[in-house]
């Protein structure tokens, strides 16, 4: 994340895309098949439209940014400030539904699939989070100052499969993906703005990983 000089403080958060009919919180059963794990954070990459249309996951997609410019007049006043993203797609790769509102939200979703005869199992979604965002002078902002809400168009108030929370340093568990299920949520990020910090551009990267046993 980042704070820029000249009377304004700007905050930037950098996410890494990691690939290691919605009227309810979007959790849907998919057919068993060859063992596979797919995770999309932000824009992602998918071939041939979507999963229900016969498409397949691809590796790639740009690393998406979440950012904020904080005016000096409100710096450190303790009021949470909404952040925005550079994501250009909020469309679900499951069925093409316009699930997330960009650029306000980031899409997070995917699946864990395995053969029907291979038993049950659960994949785990984690985030690898640095302790701080830093600027060129070595000043820091704790990553715990960043939180998020979780929603999805058409979901109402139903609990999300990737729930709301806030970052904490280290490897942080975000959600579970039972076998042969597709799950997705839209995250909207906020900066806590709890301290007056030195001017500069503060940056950091969070890496999301979906791993299966």
C-alpha atoms as a PDB file:
ATOM      1  CA  UNK A   1       0.000   0.000   0.000  1.00  0.00           C
ATOM      2  CA  UNK A   2       1.135   3.510  -0.387  1.00  0.00           C
ATOM      3  CA  UNK A   3       1.067   7.100   0.782  1.00  0.00           C
ATOM      4  CA  UNK A   4       1.905   9.865  -1.667  1.00  0.00           C
ATOM      5  CA  UNK A   5       3.163  13.356  -0.833  1.00  0.00           C
ATOM      6  CA  UNK A   6       2.013  16.866  -1.978  1.00  0.00           C
ATOM      7  CA  UNK A   7      -0.796  17.164   0.537  1.00  0.00           C
ATOM      8  CA  UNK A   8      -2.388  13.796  -0.261  1.00  0.00           C
ATOM      9  CA  UNK A   9      -1.792  10.375   1.132  1.00  0.00           C
ATOM     10  CA  UNK A  10      -2.404   7.507  -1.274  1.00  0.00           C
ATOM     11  CA  UNK A  11      -2.789   3.874  -0.306  1.00  0.00           C
ATOM     12  CA  UNK A  12      -2.178   0.952  -2.684  1.00  0.00           C
ATOM     13  CA  UNK A  13      -2.708  -2.747  -2.080  1.00  0.00           C
ATOM     14  CA  UNK A  14      -1.438  -5.289  -4.602  1.00  0.00           C
ATOM     15  CA  UNK A  15      -2.987  -8.739  -4.950  1.00  0.00           C
ATOM     16  CA  UNK A  16      -1.456 -11.678  -6.766  1.00  0.00           C
ATOM     17  CA  UNK A  17      -3.620 -13.971  -8.852  1.00  0.00           C
ATOM     18  CA  UNK A  18      -2.766 -17.451  -7.684  1.00  0.00           C
ATOM     19  CA  UNK A  19      -3.569 -20.625  -9.568  1.00  0.00           C
ATOM     20  CA  UNK A  20      -1.153 -23.141  -7.447  1.00  0.00           C
ATOM     21  CA  UNK A  21     -28.786 -17.776 -12.196  1.00  0.00           C
ATOM     22  CA  UNK A  22     -27.288 -16.744  -8.683  1.00  0.00           C
ATOM     23  CA  UNK A  23     -30.124 -16.153  -6.195  1.00  0.00           C
ATOM     24  CA  UNK A  24     -28.233 -17.373  -3.127  1.00  0.00           C
ATOM     25  CA  UNK A  25     -24.673 -17.392  -1.807  1.00  0.00           C
ATOM     26  CA  UNK A  26     -22.999 -19.064  -4.726  1.00  0.00           C
ATOM     27  CA  UNK A  27     -22.112 -22.635  -3.807  1.00  0.00           C
ATOM     28  CA  UNK A  28     -22.890 -25.256  -6.463  1.00  0.00           C
ATOM     29  CA  UNK A  29     -22.070 -28.937  -6.863  1.00  0.00           C
ATOM     30  CA  UNK A  30     -20.038 -29.859  -9.940  1.00  0.00           C
ATOM     31  CA  UNK A  31     -19.639 -33.271 -11.538  1.00  0.00           C
ATOM     32  CA  UNK A  32     -16.732 -35.433 -10.339  1.00  0.00           C
ATOM     33  CA  UNK A  33     -13.807 -35.703 -12.723  1.00  0.00           C
ATOM     34  CA  UNK A  34     -10.028 -35.697 -12.947  1.00  0.00           C
ATOM     35  CA  UNK A  35      -8.525 -34.205  -9.804  1.00  0.00           C
ATOM     36  CA  UNK A  36      -8.151 -30.445 -10.231  1.00  0.00           C
ATOM     37  CA  UNK A  37      -7.988 -27.234  -8.234  1.00  0.00           C
ATOM     38  CA  UNK A  38      -8.811 -23.849  -9.761  1.00  0.00           C
ATOM     39  CA  UNK A  39      -8.670 -20.429  -8.080  1.00  0.00           C
ATOM     40  CA  UNK A  40      -9.405 -17.041  -9.607  1.00  0.00           C
ATOM     41  CA  UNK A  41      -8.634 -13.795  -7.755  1.00  0.00           C
ATOM     42  CA  UNK A  42      -9.543 -10.711  -9.787  1.00  0.00           C
ATOM     43  CA  UNK A  43      -9.798 -10.989 -13.567  1.00  0.00           C
ATOM     44  CA  UNK A  44      -8.435 -14.507 -14.075  1.00  0.00           C
ATOM     45  CA  UNK A  45      -8.295 -16.436 -17.344  1.00  0.00           C
ATOM     46  CA  UNK A  46     -10.794 -18.962 -18.725  1.00  0.00           C
ATOM     47  CA  UNK A  47     -11.227 -20.479 -22.184  1.00  0.00           C
ATOM     48  CA  UNK A  48     -14.453 -20.883 -24.182  1.00  0.00           C
ATOM     49  CA  UNK A  49     -16.853 -18.695 -22.215  1.00  0.00           C
ATOM     50  CA  UNK A  50     -17.522 -20.453 -18.892  1.00  0.00           C
ATOM     51  CA  UNK A  51     -17.546 -23.764 -17.020  1.00  0.00           C
ATOM     52  CA  UNK A  52     -21.158 -24.687 -17.805  1.00  0.00           C
ATOM     53  CA  UNK A  53     -20.487 -23.857 -21.466  1.00  0.00           C
ATOM     54  CA  UNK A  54     -17.586 -26.302 -21.649  1.00  0.00           C
ATOM     55  CA  UNK A  55     -14.804 -23.833 -20.860  1.00  0.00           C
ATOM     56  CA  UNK A  56     -11.642 -24.687 -18.971  1.00  0.00           C
ATOM     57  CA  UNK A  57      -9.505 -22.741 -16.484  1.00  0.00           C
ATOM     58  CA  UNK A  58      -6.316 -21.141 -17.733  1.00  0.00           C
ATOM     59  CA  UNK A  59      -3.179 -20.006 -15.943  1.00  0.00           C
ATOM     60  CA  UNK A  60      -2.687 -16.256 -16.093  1.00  0.00           C
ATOM     61  CA  UNK A  61      -4.495 -12.985 -15.814  1.00  0.00           C
ATOM     62  CA  UNK A  62      -3.049  -9.717 -14.587  1.00  0.00           C
ATOM     63  CA  UNK A  63      -2.164  -9.079 -10.955  1.00  0.00           C
ATOM     64  CA  UNK A  64      -4.954  -6.818  -9.772  1.00  0.00           C
ATOM     65  CA  UNK A  65      -4.480  -3.728  -7.611  1.00  0.00           C
ATOM     66  CA  UNK A  66      -6.628  -2.420  -4.786  1.00  0.00           C
ATOM     67  CA  UNK A  67      -5.865   1.221  -4.024  1.00  0.00           C
ATOM     68  CA  UNK A  68      -6.827   4.375  -2.177  1.00  0.00           C
ATOM     69  CA  UNK A  69      -5.757   8.022  -2.048  1.00  0.00           C
ATOM     70  CA  UNK A  70      -6.258   9.475   1.447  1.00  0.00           C
ATOM     71  CA  UNK A  71      -6.631  13.297   1.612  1.00  0.00           C
ATOM     72  CA  UNK A  72      -4.391  14.889   4.231  1.00  0.00           C
ATOM     73  CA  UNK A  73      -7.434  16.455   5.914  1.00  0.00           C
ATOM     74  CA  UNK A  74      -8.805  13.079   7.015  1.00  0.00           C
ATOM     75  CA  UNK A  75      -5.546  11.154   7.498  1.00  0.00           C
ATOM     76  CA  UNK A  76      -5.610   9.069  10.662  1.00  0.00           C
ATOM     77  CA  UNK A  77      -9.092  10.116  11.797  1.00  0.00           C
ATOM     78  CA  UNK A  78     -10.177   6.498  12.384  1.00  0.00           C
ATOM     79  CA  UNK A  79     -12.907   6.471   9.743  1.00  0.00           C
ATOM     80  CA  UNK A  80     -12.755   3.462   7.438  1.00  0.00           C
ATOM     81  CA  UNK A  81     -12.207   4.425   3.796  1.00  0.00           C
ATOM     82  CA  UNK A  82     -13.427   2.431   0.819  1.00  0.00           C
ATOM     83  CA  UNK A  83     -10.767   1.212  -1.598  1.00  0.00           C
ATOM     84  CA  UNK A  84     -11.149   0.608  -5.324  1.00  0.00           C
ATOM     85  CA  UNK A  85      -9.680  -1.980  -7.693  1.00  0.00           C
ATOM     86  CA  UNK A  86      -8.382  -2.089 -11.243  1.00  0.00           C
ATOM     87  CA  UNK A  87     -10.339  -5.280 -11.960  1.00  0.00           C
ATOM     88  CA  UNK A  88     -12.177  -5.209 -15.273  1.00  0.00           C
ATOM     89  CA  UNK A  89     -14.271  -8.384 -14.939  1.00  0.00           C
ATOM     90  CA  UNK A  90     -16.769  -9.370 -12.273  1.00  0.00           C
ATOM     91  CA  UNK A  91     -18.382 -12.100 -14.392  1.00  0.00           C
ATOM     92  CA  UNK A  92     -18.562 -15.590 -12.915  1.00  0.00           C
ATOM     93  CA  UNK A  93     -16.547 -18.221 -14.752  1.00  0.00           C
ATOM     94  CA  UNK A  94     -19.130 -20.790 -13.719  1.00  0.00           C
ATOM     95  CA  UNK A  95     -22.066 -19.541 -15.814  1.00  0.00           C
ATOM     96  CA  UNK A  96     -21.269 -16.036 -17.054  1.00  0.00           C
ATOM     97  CA  UNK A  97     -23.437 -14.277 -14.477  1.00  0.00           C
ATOM     98  CA  UNK A  98     -22.439 -10.673 -13.636  1.00  0.00           C
ATOM     99  CA  UNK A  99     -21.687 -11.549 -10.023  1.00  0.00           C
ATOM    100  CA  UNK A 100     -19.298  -8.811  -8.804  1.00  0.00           C
ATOM    101  CA  UNK A 101     -19.461  -5.040  -9.333  1.00  0.00           C
ATOM    102  CA  UNK A 102     -16.144  -3.780 -10.690  1.00  0.00           C
ATOM    103  CA  UNK A 103     -14.131  -1.762  -9.946  1.00  0.00           C
ATOM    104  CA  UNK A 104     -15.503  -1.664  -6.378  1.00  0.00           C
ATOM    105  CA  UNK A 105     -15.157  -5.429  -5.851  1.00  0.00           C
ATOM    106  CA  UNK A 106     -12.741  -8.258  -6.539  1.00  0.00           C
ATOM    107  CA  UNK A 107     -14.023 -11.679  -7.626  1.00  0.00           C
ATOM    108  CA  UNK A 108     -12.690 -14.631  -5.588  1.00  0.00           C
ATOM    109  CA  UNK A 109     -13.787 -18.118  -6.543  1.00  0.00           C
ATOM    110  CA  UNK A 110     -13.055 -21.491  -8.050  1.00  0.00           C
ATOM    111  CA  UNK A 111     -13.433 -25.199  -7.397  1.00  0.00           C
ATOM    112  CA  UNK A 112     -11.924 -28.386  -6.055  1.00  0.00           C
ATOM    113  CA  UNK A 113     -12.765 -31.444  -8.164  1.00  0.00           C
ATOM    114  CA  UNK A 114     -11.917 -35.107  -7.738  1.00  0.00           C
ATOM    115  CA  UNK A 115     -13.085 -38.469  -9.087  1.00  0.00           C
ATOM    116  CA  UNK A 116     -16.269 -39.907  -7.585  1.00  0.00           C
ATOM    117  CA  UNK A 117     -14.522 -43.083  -6.415  1.00  0.00           C
ATOM    118  CA  UNK A 118     -11.668 -41.263  -4.648  1.00  0.00           C
ATOM    119  CA  UNK A 119     -13.607 -40.349  -1.512  1.00  0.00           C
ATOM    120  CA  UNK A 120     -14.263 -37.000   0.099  1.00  0.00           C
ATOM    121  CA  UNK A 121     -11.898 -34.168   0.851  1.00  0.00           C
ATOM    122  CA  UNK A 122     -11.642 -30.438   1.295  1.00  0.00           C
ATOM    123  CA  UNK A 123      -9.375 -27.828  -0.272  1.00  0.00           C
ATOM    124  CA  UNK A 124      -8.291 -24.842   1.814  1.00  0.00           C
ATOM    125  CA  UNK A 125      -8.134 -21.230   0.649  1.00  0.00           C
ATOM    126  CA  UNK A 126      -5.357 -19.275   2.349  1.00  0.00           C
ATOM    127  CA  UNK A 127      -3.772 -15.845   2.037  1.00  0.00           C
ATOM    128  CA  UNK A 128      -0.061 -15.235   2.535  1.00  0.00           C
ATOM    129  CA  UNK A 129       0.118 -11.790   4.132  1.00  0.00           C
ATOM    130  CA  UNK A 130       3.194  -9.654   4.970  1.00  0.00           C
ATOM    131  CA  UNK A 131       3.247  -7.943   8.353  1.00  0.00           C
ATOM    132  CA  UNK A 132       3.269  -4.481   6.813  1.00  0.00           C
ATOM    133  CA  UNK A 133       2.971  -2.352   3.737  1.00  0.00           C
ATOM    134  CA  UNK A 134       6.115  -0.270   3.264  1.00  0.00           C
ATOM    135  CA  UNK A 135       7.201   2.874   1.441  1.00  0.00           C
ATOM    136  CA  UNK A 136      10.558   3.812  -0.090  1.00  0.00           C
ATOM    137  CA  UNK A 137      11.735   5.334   3.216  1.00  0.00           C
ATOM    138  CA  UNK A 138      10.993   2.177   5.194  1.00  0.00           C
ATOM    139  CA  UNK A 139       7.863   3.526   6.908  1.00  0.00           C
ATOM    140  CA  UNK A 140       5.156   0.936   7.470  1.00  0.00           C
ATOM    141  CA  UNK A 141       1.414   0.425   7.751  1.00  0.00           C
ATOM    142  CA  UNK A 142       0.192  -2.839   9.360  1.00  0.00           C
ATOM    143  CA  UNK A 143      -1.661  -5.061   6.914  1.00  0.00           C
ATOM    144  CA  UNK A 144      -4.271  -5.500   9.639  1.00  0.00           C
ATOM    145  CA  UNK A 145      -5.513  -2.028   8.652  1.00  0.00           C
ATOM    146  CA  UNK A 146      -7.089  -3.651   5.581  1.00  0.00           C
ATOM    147  CA  UNK A 147     -10.452  -5.404   5.927  1.00  0.00           C
ATOM    148  CA  UNK A 148     -13.133  -6.546   3.514  1.00  0.00           C
ATOM    149  CA  UNK A 149     -16.830  -7.239   3.208  1.00  0.00           C
ATOM    150  CA  UNK A 150     -18.169 -10.180   1.196  1.00  0.00           C
ATOM    151  CA  UNK A 151     -21.210 -10.251  -1.078  1.00  0.00           C
ATOM    152  CA  UNK A 152     -22.453 -11.167  -4.537  1.00  0.00           C
ATOM    153  CA  UNK A 153     -25.162  -9.850  -6.834  1.00  0.00           C
ATOM    154  CA  UNK A 154     -28.414 -11.673  -6.125  1.00  0.00           C
ATOM    155  CA  UNK A 155     -27.177 -13.124  -2.845  1.00  0.00           C
ATOM    156  CA  UNK A 156     -29.043 -10.836  -0.430  1.00  0.00           C
ATOM    157  CA  UNK A 157     -27.866 -11.339   3.162  1.00  0.00           C
ATOM    158  CA  UNK A 158     -26.979 -15.020   2.802  1.00  0.00           C
ATOM    159  CA  UNK A 159     -23.640 -16.031   4.349  1.00  0.00           C
ATOM    160  CA  UNK A 160     -20.812 -16.044   1.824  1.00  0.00           C
ATOM    161  CA  UNK A 161     -18.535 -19.047   1.112  1.00  0.00           C
ATOM    162  CA  UNK A 162     -15.492 -16.740   1.341  1.00  0.00           C
ATOM    163  CA  UNK A 163     -16.580 -14.606   4.298  1.00  0.00           C
ATOM    164  CA  UNK A 164     -15.731 -11.073   5.377  1.00  0.00           C
ATOM    165  CA  UNK A 165     -12.624 -10.475   7.479  1.00  0.00           C
ATOM    166  CA  UNK A 166      -9.377  -8.569   7.845  1.00  0.00           C
ATOM    167  CA  UNK A 167      -5.777  -9.397   7.036  1.00  0.00           C
ATOM    168  CA  UNK A 168      -3.339 -10.724   9.623  1.00  0.00           C
ATOM    169  CA  UNK A 169       0.334 -11.418   8.961  1.00  0.00           C
ATOM    170  CA  UNK A 170       1.430 -14.903   8.031  1.00  0.00           C
ATOM    171  CA  UNK A 171      -0.603 -17.643   6.386  1.00  0.00           C
ATOM    172  CA  UNK A 172      -4.264 -16.911   7.003  1.00  0.00           C
ATOM    173  CA  UNK A 173      -7.070 -19.400   6.362  1.00  0.00           C
ATOM    174  CA  UNK A 174      -9.998 -17.772   4.545  1.00  0.00           C
ATOM    175  CA  UNK A 175     -12.375 -20.589   3.548  1.00  0.00           C
ATOM    176  CA  UNK A 176     -12.867 -24.273   2.814  1.00  0.00           C
ATOM    177  CA  UNK A 177     -13.820 -25.765  -0.561  1.00  0.00           C
ATOM    178  CA  UNK A 178     -15.327 -29.261  -0.177  1.00  0.00           C
ATOM    179  CA  UNK A 179     -14.667 -31.624  -3.071  1.00  0.00           C
ATOM    180  CA  UNK A 180     -16.731 -31.251  -6.234  1.00  0.00           C
ATOM    181  CA  UNK A 181     -18.047 -27.810  -5.375  1.00  0.00           C
ATOM    182  CA  UNK A 182     -17.711 -24.411  -7.019  1.00  0.00           C
ATOM    183  CA  UNK A 183     -17.700 -21.422  -4.621  1.00  0.00           C
ATOM    184  CA  UNK A 184     -17.389 -17.687  -5.245  1.00  0.00           C
ATOM    185  CA  UNK A 185     -17.717 -14.340  -3.449  1.00  0.00           C
ATOM    186  CA  UNK A 186     -17.028 -10.669  -4.158  1.00  0.00           C
ATOM    187  CA  UNK A 187     -14.755  -8.769  -1.785  1.00  0.00           C
ATOM    188  CA  UNK A 188     -14.868  -5.009  -1.199  1.00  0.00           C
ATOM    189  CA  UNK A 189     -11.849  -3.654   0.700  1.00  0.00           C
ATOM    190  CA  UNK A 190     -11.525  -0.875   3.271  1.00  0.00           C
ATOM    191  CA  UNK A 191      -8.583   0.902   4.930  1.00  0.00           C
ATOM    192  CA  UNK A 192      -8.884   1.467   8.701  1.00  0.00           C
ATOM    193  CA  UNK A 193      -7.113   4.861   8.643  1.00  0.00           C
ATOM    194  CA  UNK A 194      -6.330   4.606  12.358  1.00  0.00           C
ATOM    195  CA  UNK A 195      -2.947   6.363  12.415  1.00  0.00           C
ATOM    196  CA  UNK A 196      -1.161   9.379  10.962  1.00  0.00           C
ATOM    197  CA  UNK A 197       1.654   7.976   8.841  1.00  0.00           C
ATOM    198  CA  UNK A 198       4.500   9.517   6.876  1.00  0.00           C
ATOM    199  CA  UNK A 199       3.953  10.544   3.269  1.00  0.00           C
ATOM    200  CA  UNK A 200       4.846   8.052   0.563  1.00  0.00           C
ATOM    201  CA  UNK A 201       3.581   5.155  -1.509  1.00  0.00           C
ATOM    202  CA  UNK A 202       3.055   2.063   0.616  1.00  0.00           C
ATOM    203  CA  UNK A 203       2.916  -1.244  -1.216  1.00  0.00           C
ATOM    204  CA  UNK A 204       2.453  -4.894  -0.358  1.00  0.00           C
ATOM    205  CA  UNK A 205       1.287  -8.108  -1.974  1.00  0.00           C
ATOM    206  CA  UNK A 206      -1.132 -10.735  -0.716  1.00  0.00           C
ATOM    207  CA  UNK A 207      -0.963 -14.147  -2.409  1.00  0.00           C
ATOM    208  CA  UNK A 208      -4.076 -16.324  -2.379  1.00  0.00           C
ATOM    209  CA  UNK A 209      -3.679 -20.111  -2.662  1.00  0.00           C
ATOM    210  CA  UNK A 210      -6.219 -22.913  -2.920  1.00  0.00           C
ATOM    211  CA  UNK A 211      -4.577 -26.182  -1.896  1.00  0.00           C
ATOM    212  CA  UNK A 212      -5.989 -29.713  -1.738  1.00  0.00           C
ATOM    213  CA  UNK A 213      -4.914 -32.833   0.158  1.00  0.00           C
END
